[in-house]
Amino acid sequence: MERRLQKALVREKAVVETQRLFLSVTSHDFRTPLTIIDGAARRIGRMAGADSPIAERAAAIRATARRMAQAIDRTLGWSSIAEGKVAFHPELADIGPMVEKAVANQRALHPDRAFSVELGELPALLLDAGLIERSLDNLLSNAVKYSPAGAGVDVRCVRRGKRVELSVSDHGIGVPEADMRRMFTRFFRAGNTRGTKGTGIGLNAVKFYMGLHGGKVALRSVEGEGSTFTLSFPIK
């Protein structure tokens, strides 16, 4: 029995290492051409003029390139976690502008969606802006991905006692109750997401990033009605 368990563990480690190497190499190979595409589309848009149909198409190309770049960033983020090489550089900062920037990026990518934002009176927090940006991008893009076309996304950030809570709520497919406890497990995807592309690494990364901040991430969901993910930050 012990020998079989050891063999299974070795196989699992080999699979994880293969996945890590594949994601790392593939992500790197995609980044350079995306940068070239984005730069070329920007120049075409400028040459065509603001009101030109060509400028609109160039803007659509840039939005798609940004969406792919964000997916690559999420993938590289997981690769860094797997290697234990996540750089963490927190600075005292206002989380409000970070939230507004993340929502603005999603509005540009999904002009058909309505994003509501509520920001309370918030104290400065010790934050790594890059990791917070990745976390918000993941939660917001998931809210869009797992909701029907046109459904809104609600973002709320308020102070509660000695913590700041940032929530992202959607009105989508929700999470089956049986899957709730595993939603932050690496590579796990809920049973009702079949047919929708995904890797199962984003929420695990969010949990890891929040741990670096001394914070937590929580999920409330009702299948068929929607989900709310809440990031909780300590006030120091």
Protein backbone atom coordinates (compact mmCIF):
# COMPACT_ATOMS: atom_id res chain seq x y z
CA MET A 1 0.00 0.00 0.00
CA GLU A 2 2.75 2.45 0.97
CA ARG A 3 4.64 1.71 -2.25
CA ARG A 4 1.54 2.36 -4.36
CA LEU A 5 0.96 5.66 -2.58
CA GLN A 6 4.54 6.72 -3.21
CA LYS A 7 4.23 5.87 -6.91
CA ALA A 8 0.97 7.81 -7.14
CA LEU A 9 2.61 10.82 -5.46
CA VAL A 10 5.55 10.70 -7.88
CA ARG A 11 3.16 10.58 -10.85
CA GLU A 12 1.15 13.51 -9.51
CA LYS A 13 4.28 15.60 -9.00
CA ALA A 14 5.40 14.81 -12.55
CA VAL A 15 2.03 15.85 -13.98
CA VAL A 16 2.04 19.13 -12.03
CA GLU A 17 5.59 19.89 -13.15
CA THR A 18 4.69 19.20 -16.79
CA GLN A 19 1.67 21.50 -16.50
CA ARG A 20 3.79 24.21 -14.92
CA LEU A 21 6.45 24.07 -17.63
CA PHE A 22 3.87 24.04 -20.41
CA LEU A 23 2.02 27.05 -19.01
CA SER A 24 5.21 29.00 -18.43
CA VAL A 25 6.67 28.39 -21.91
CA THR A 26 3.36 28.90 -23.74
CA SER A 27 2.61 32.13 -21.88
CA HIS A 28 6.04 33.54 -22.72
CA ASP A 29 5.68 32.63 -26.41
CA PHE A 30 2.32 34.42 -26.66
CA ARG A 31 3.31 37.65 -24.92
CA THR A 32 5.69 39.00 -27.59
CA PRO A 33 3.30 38.72 -30.58
CA LEU A 34 0.48 40.20 -28.49
CA THR A 35 2.62 43.24 -27.75
CA ILE A 36 3.32 43.65 -31.47
CA ILE A 37 -0.37 43.28 -32.36
CA ASP A 38 -1.41 45.84 -29.75
CA GLY A 39 1.19 48.35 -30.91
CA ALA A 40 0.27 47.95 -34.58
CA ALA A 41 -3.46 48.34 -33.83
CA ARG A 42 -2.75 51.49 -31.82
CA ARG A 43 -0.83 53.05 -34.71
CA ILE A 44 -3.53 52.09 -37.22
CA GLY A 45 -6.19 53.67 -35.01
CA ARG A 46 -4.25 56.92 -34.76
CA MET A 47 -3.66 57.09 -38.51
CA ALA A 48 -7.32 56.37 -39.32
CA GLY A 49 -8.78 59.09 -37.09
CA ALA A 50 -11.14 58.90 -34.13
CA ASP A 51 -14.42 58.64 -36.10
CA SER A 52 -13.24 56.13 -38.68
CA PRO A 53 -14.68 52.57 -38.86
CA ILE A 54 -11.08 51.41 -39.14
CA ALA A 55 -10.32 53.04 -35.78
CA GLU A 56 -13.23 51.13 -34.22
CA ARG A 57 -11.90 47.85 -35.57
CA ALA A 58 -8.42 48.70 -34.33
CA ALA A 59 -9.87 49.38 -30.87
CA ALA A 60 -11.59 45.98 -30.96
CA ILE A 61 -8.28 44.32 -31.83
CA ARG A 62 -6.58 46.08 -28.92
CA ALA A 63 -9.35 45.03 -26.53
CA THR A 64 -8.95 41.41 -27.60
CA ALA A 65 -5.17 41.62 -27.20
CA ARG A 66 -5.62 43.03 -23.68
CA ARG A 67 -8.01 40.21 -22.81
CA MET A 68 -5.46 37.64 -23.94
CA ALA A 69 -2.66 39.44 -22.07
CA GLN A 70 -4.72 39.32 -18.88
CA ALA A 71 -5.24 35.59 -19.34
CA ILE A 72 -1.48 35.19 -19.74
CA ASP A 73 -0.85 37.21 -16.58
CA ARG A 74 -3.18 34.92 -14.65
CA THR A 75 -1.38 31.88 -16.02
CA LEU A 76 2.06 33.25 -15.18
CA GLY A 77 0.78 34.12 -11.73
CA TRP A 78 -0.07 30.48 -11.10
CA SER A 79 3.32 29.39 -12.47
CA SER A 80 5.06 31.72 -10.00
CA ILE A 81 2.98 30.32 -7.15
CA ALA A 82 3.89 26.76 -8.13
CA GLU A 83 7.58 27.70 -8.17
CA GLY A 84 7.33 29.59 -4.88
CA LYS A 85 8.65 32.74 -6.57
CA VAL A 86 5.85 35.24 -6.05
CA ALA A 87 7.28 38.70 -5.41
CA PHE A 88 5.35 40.53 -2.69
CA HIS A 89 5.96 44.28 -2.32
CA PRO A 90 3.17 45.88 -0.27
CA GLU A 91 2.90 49.65 0.06
CA LEU A 92 0.43 51.85 1.89
CA ALA A 93 -2.16 52.69 -0.75
CA ASP A 94 -5.80 53.52 -1.46
CA ILE A 95 -7.66 50.51 -2.82
CA GLY A 96 -10.42 52.66 -4.35
CA PRO A 97 -8.51 53.69 -7.51
CA MET A 98 -7.41 50.08 -8.01
CA VAL A 99 -11.03 48.97 -7.99
CA GLU A 100 -12.06 51.72 -10.40
CA LYS A 101 -9.21 50.88 -12.78
CA ALA A 102 -10.06 47.17 -12.77
CA VAL A 103 -13.72 47.89 -13.48
CA ALA A 104 -12.80 50.36 -16.24
CA ASN A 105 -10.69 47.66 -17.91
CA GLN A 106 -13.61 45.23 -17.84
CA ARG A 107 -16.01 47.87 -19.18
CA ALA A 108 -13.69 48.37 -22.15
CA LEU A 109 -13.59 44.62 -22.77
CA HIS A 110 -17.34 44.10 -22.24
CA PRO A 111 -19.24 47.24 -23.31
CA ASP A 112 -22.52 45.30 -23.24
CA ARG A 113 -22.25 44.73 -19.48
CA ALA A 114 -23.37 47.05 -16.69
CA PHE A 115 -20.88 47.36 -13.83
CA SER A 116 -22.02 49.10 -10.64
CA VAL A 117 -19.40 50.32 -8.17
CA GLU A 118 -19.92 51.40 -4.56
CA LEU A 119 -16.92 52.71 -2.62
CA GLY A 120 -17.24 53.69 1.03
CA GLU A 121 -14.91 55.78 3.18
CA LEU A 122 -11.80 53.62 3.06
CA PRO A 123 -8.52 53.79 4.99
CA ALA A 124 -5.16 53.23 3.34
CA LEU A 125 -4.08 49.58 3.26
CA LEU A 126 -0.80 47.72 2.84
CA LEU A 127 -1.24 46.39 -0.69
CA ASP A 128 0.78 44.91 -3.51
CA ALA A 129 -0.92 46.71 -6.39
CA GLY A 130 0.05 44.11 -8.98
CA LEU A 131 -1.38 41.19 -7.01
CA ILE A 132 -4.56 43.11 -6.20
CA GLU A 133 -4.96 43.93 -9.90
CA ARG A 134 -4.63 40.23 -10.80
CA SER A 135 -7.13 39.24 -8.13
CA LEU A 136 -9.71 41.79 -9.25
CA ASP A 137 -9.22 40.89 -12.90
CA ASN A 138 -9.87 37.26 -12.07
CA LEU A 139 -13.01 37.88 -10.05
CA LEU A 140 -14.47 40.38 -12.51
CA SER A 141 -13.74 38.30 -15.60
CA ASN A 142 -15.26 35.25 -13.89
CA ALA A 143 -18.38 37.26 -13.05
CA VAL A 144 -18.78 38.07 -16.74
CA LYS A 145 -17.85 34.60 -17.98
CA TYR A 146 -20.33 32.73 -15.82
CA SER A 147 -23.27 35.12 -16.29
CA PRO A 148 -25.75 35.37 -19.18
CA ALA A 149 -25.22 38.04 -21.82
CA GLY A 150 -26.16 41.49 -20.56
CA ALA A 151 -26.21 40.51 -16.88
CA GLY A 152 -24.75 43.12 -14.53
CA VAL A 153 -21.83 42.87 -12.12
CA ASP A 154 -21.88 44.64 -8.75
CA VAL A 155 -18.70 45.74 -6.98
CA ARG A 156 -18.75 47.02 -3.40
CA CYS A 157 -15.88 48.05 -1.14
CA VAL A 158 -16.60 49.14 2.45
CA ARG A 159 -15.01 49.23 5.87
CA ARG A 160 -16.29 46.79 8.49
CA GLY A 161 -14.65 47.33 11.86
CA LYS A 162 -10.95 46.53 11.58
CA ARG A 163 -11.24 45.17 8.04
CA VAL A 164 -12.03 46.36 4.53
CA GLU A 165 -14.29 44.09 2.50
CA LEU A 166 -14.32 44.12 -1.29
CA SER A 167 -17.08 42.07 -2.92
CA VAL A 168 -17.79 41.15 -6.54
CA SER A 169 -21.31 39.87 -7.19
CA ASP A 170 -22.81 38.41 -10.35
CA HIS A 171 -26.22 37.13 -11.41
CA GLY A 172 -25.03 34.03 -13.17
CA ILE A 173 -25.01 30.26 -12.89
CA GLY A 174 -23.84 30.15 -9.28
CA VAL A 175 -21.99 27.24 -7.66
CA PRO A 176 -23.53 23.88 -6.73
CA GLU A 177 -23.59 23.43 -2.97
CA ALA A 178 -21.58 20.20 -3.24
CA ASP A 179 -18.72 22.10 -4.94
CA MET A 180 -18.52 25.10 -2.61
CA ARG A 181 -15.76 23.85 -0.32
CA ARG A 182 -13.46 22.98 -3.25
CA MET A 183 -13.77 26.19 -5.27
CA PHE A 184 -10.35 27.49 -4.18
CA THR A 185 -8.57 24.18 -4.85
CA ARG A 186 -6.04 24.31 -7.67
CA PHE A 187 -7.40 22.99 -11.00
CA PHE A 188 -10.88 22.37 -9.57
CA ARG A 189 -13.88 23.60 -11.57
CA ALA A 190 -17.52 23.43 -10.52
CA GLY A 191 -19.64 20.74 -12.10
CA ASN A 192 -21.95 23.23 -13.83
CA THR A 193 -19.12 24.95 -15.76
CA ARG A 194 -18.67 22.23 -18.38
CA GLY A 195 -18.70 23.80 -21.82
CA THR A 196 -17.17 27.04 -20.54
CA LYS A 197 -13.43 27.44 -21.01
CA GLY A 198 -11.32 27.73 -17.88
CA THR A 199 -8.24 26.39 -16.11
CA GLY A 200 -9.28 26.13 -12.47
CA ILE A 201 -6.22 28.09 -11.31
CA GLY A 202 -7.54 31.64 -10.91
CA LEU A 203 -9.39 31.34 -7.61
CA ASN A 204 -6.54 29.36 -6.09
CA ALA A 205 -4.21 32.23 -7.02
CA VAL A 206 -6.59 34.79 -5.49
CA LYS A 207 -6.60 32.83 -2.23
CA PHE A 208 -2.80 32.70 -2.25
CA TYR A 209 -2.46 36.45 -2.92
CA MET A 210 -4.90 37.27 -0.13
CA GLY A 211 -2.90 35.10 2.24
CA LEU A 212 0.19 37.16 1.48
CA HIS A 213 -1.80 40.26 2.50
CA GLY A 214 -2.93 38.63 5.73
CA GLY A 215 -6.44 38.59 4.31
CA LYS A 216 -9.07 36.08 3.26
CA VAL A 217 -11.39 35.34 0.36
CA ALA A 218 -14.90 33.97 0.90
CA LEU A 219 -17.68 32.75 -1.37
CA ARG A 220 -21.46 32.95 -1.06
CA SER A 221 -23.46 31.41 -3.87
CA VAL A 222 -26.80 29.95 -4.87
CA GLU A 223 -26.83 27.75 -7.95
CA GLY A 224 -28.86 29.36 -10.70
CA GLU A 225 -28.91 32.77 -9.01
CA GLY A 226 -25.33 34.00 -8.79
CA SER A 227 -22.22 34.30 -6.65
CA THR A 228 -20.48 36.82 -4.42
CA PHE A 229 -16.75 36.65 -3.79
CA THR A 230 -15.49 38.80 -0.93
CA LEU A 231 -11.89 39.84 -0.30
CA SER A 232 -11.27 40.80 3.33
CA PHE A 233 -8.22 42.96 4.14
CA PRO A 234 -6.90 43.74 7.63
CA ILE A 235 -6.48 47.41 8.53
CA LYS A 236 -2.98 47.87 9.94
